[in-house]
Protein backbone atom coordinates (compact mmCIF):
# COMPACT_ATOMS: atom_id res chain seq x y z
CA MET A 1 52.60 -19.71 26.82
CA LYS A 2 50.71 -17.85 29.44
CA LYS A 3 47.38 -16.36 28.13
CA ILE A 4 47.03 -12.69 28.79
CA THR A 5 44.23 -11.31 30.58
CA LYS A 6 41.59 -8.92 29.16
CA ALA A 7 43.04 -6.13 31.45
CA GLU A 8 46.32 -6.71 30.08
CA ALA A 9 45.15 -6.71 26.35
CA THR A 10 43.27 -3.25 27.26
CA ARG A 11 46.44 -1.75 28.57
CA ALA A 12 48.52 -2.97 25.65
CA LYS A 13 46.02 -1.53 23.18
CA LYS A 14 45.98 1.68 25.05
CA LEU A 15 49.87 1.87 24.85
CA LEU A 16 49.85 0.75 21.24
CA ASP A 17 47.39 3.74 20.25
CA ARG A 18 49.52 6.23 22.09
CA TYR A 19 52.55 5.15 19.90
CA ASN A 20 50.67 5.14 16.72
CA LYS A 21 49.57 8.80 17.53
CA GLN A 22 53.13 9.60 18.43
CA THR A 23 54.55 8.26 15.24
CA ASN A 24 51.81 9.55 13.18
CA ALA A 25 51.71 13.16 14.39
CA TRP A 26 51.01 15.75 11.93
CA LEU A 27 54.12 16.24 10.01
CA GLY A 28 52.13 17.48 6.76
CA ARG A 29 51.80 20.95 5.69
CA ASP A 30 49.12 23.67 6.44
CA SER A 31 49.04 24.90 2.87
CA TYR A 32 49.99 23.54 -0.66
CA THR A 33 50.59 25.69 -3.88
CA CYS A 34 48.16 24.78 -6.43
CA ILE A 35 49.94 22.44 -9.12
CA CYS A 36 48.03 24.07 -11.91
CA CYS A 37 48.44 27.75 -11.76
CA LYS A 38 51.35 27.64 -9.14
CA GLU A 39 49.91 30.96 -7.42
CA LYS A 40 47.10 30.11 -5.37
CA GLU A 41 47.13 28.45 -1.83
CA VAL A 42 45.28 25.76 -0.59
CA LYS A 43 45.05 26.13 2.98
CA LEU A 44 44.26 23.91 5.97
CA LEU A 45 40.62 25.09 6.97
CA MET A 46 40.61 24.26 10.66
CA PRO A 47 43.54 24.13 13.03
CA HIS A 48 44.67 20.76 13.95
CA ASP A 49 45.70 19.47 17.29
CA GLY A 50 48.93 18.01 16.07
CA ILE A 51 47.73 14.47 15.75
CA ARG A 52 46.87 13.36 12.41
CA ASP A 53 47.68 10.52 10.30
CA LEU A 54 50.08 12.06 7.85
CA ARG A 55 49.11 9.29 5.13
CA GLU A 56 45.64 10.77 5.36
CA GLN A 57 46.22 14.46 5.27
CA GLN A 58 44.03 14.84 2.09
CA GLN A 59 40.97 13.69 4.11
CA GLU A 60 41.54 17.32 5.97
CA MET A 61 39.28 20.23 5.31
CA TRP A 62 41.19 22.74 2.89
CA ARG A 63 39.90 26.23 2.04
CA ASP A 64 39.91 27.27 -1.63
CA GLY A 65 40.71 23.81 -2.98
CA THR A 66 41.74 20.33 -2.16
CA VAL A 67 44.83 18.18 -1.43
CA PHE A 68 45.08 14.86 -2.93
CA LYS A 69 47.63 11.90 -3.12
CA VAL A 70 49.04 10.54 -6.20
CA PHE A 71 50.93 7.17 -6.57
CA PHE A 72 52.89 6.07 -9.60
CA GLY A 73 52.87 2.51 -10.56
CA TYR A 74 54.93 0.18 -12.73
CA GLY A 75 56.26 1.56 -15.87
CA SER A 76 56.57 5.17 -14.44
CA LYS A 77 60.01 6.62 -13.68
CA LEU A 78 58.46 7.35 -10.45
CA ASP A 79 57.33 3.70 -9.64
CA MET A 80 56.66 3.39 -6.05
CA ASP A 81 56.75 7.08 -5.46
CA GLY A 82 53.69 8.96 -3.93
CA PHE A 83 53.07 12.71 -3.66
CA PHE A 84 50.43 14.97 -1.94
CA MET A 85 49.28 17.81 -4.10
CA GLY A 86 47.24 20.81 -3.85
CA LEU A 87 44.75 21.99 -6.57
CA CYS A 88 42.92 25.13 -6.23
CA ASP A 89 38.93 25.49 -6.82
CA ASP A 90 39.22 27.62 -9.67
CA CYS A 91 41.80 25.53 -11.61
CA ALA A 92 39.74 22.56 -11.10
CA LEU A 93 36.64 24.25 -12.50
CA GLU A 94 38.73 25.59 -15.63
CA LEU A 95 40.12 21.88 -15.99
CA GLU A 96 36.50 20.57 -16.05
CA GLU A 97 35.34 23.32 -18.55
CA LYS A 98 38.14 22.25 -20.90
CA ARG A 99 37.38 18.84 -20.50
CA ILE A 100 40.91 17.96 -19.25
CA VAL A 101 39.29 16.32 -15.93
CA VAL A 102 35.96 14.53 -15.75
CA ASN A 103 33.53 15.31 -12.94
CA ILE A 104 32.73 12.01 -11.23
CA GLY A 105 28.89 13.22 -10.48
CA GLU A 106 28.29 13.68 -14.08
CA LEU A 107 29.64 10.45 -15.02
CA ILE A 108 27.44 8.73 -12.51
CA LYS A 109 24.42 10.81 -13.91
CA ARG A 110 25.30 9.81 -17.55
CA ALA A 111 25.71 6.12 -16.50
CA ARG A 112 22.16 5.98 -14.82
CA LYS A 113 20.73 7.34 -18.07
CA TYR A 114 22.72 4.97 -20.34
CA ASP A 115 20.26 2.39 -21.96
CA PRO A 116 22.40 -0.08 -24.03
CA LYS A 117 19.39 -0.96 -26.26
């Protein structure tokens, strides 16, 4: 088998990068309705150039909330399914106040203070 040159490898990588951008073009949404209150919209903060990885849309900047992905595992009726969901800031704070969700920062603070003696 003939070895490829560095120049050929560079051209192939550029072509593959262009293909990946084309197939990963933004197919997501610019807003999501909050899954909790079902009223407020979590909206994309900054306009995008049309090239974003659909699988990572939760990493975009969102106004008045966040978008996250949830995957269901073995044992669930939705095993192997995944969803993107929006949650508004107000509902997240309300859920924290009611202790339905846990603030990760608070857990870390408590863990640092924990003395098992």
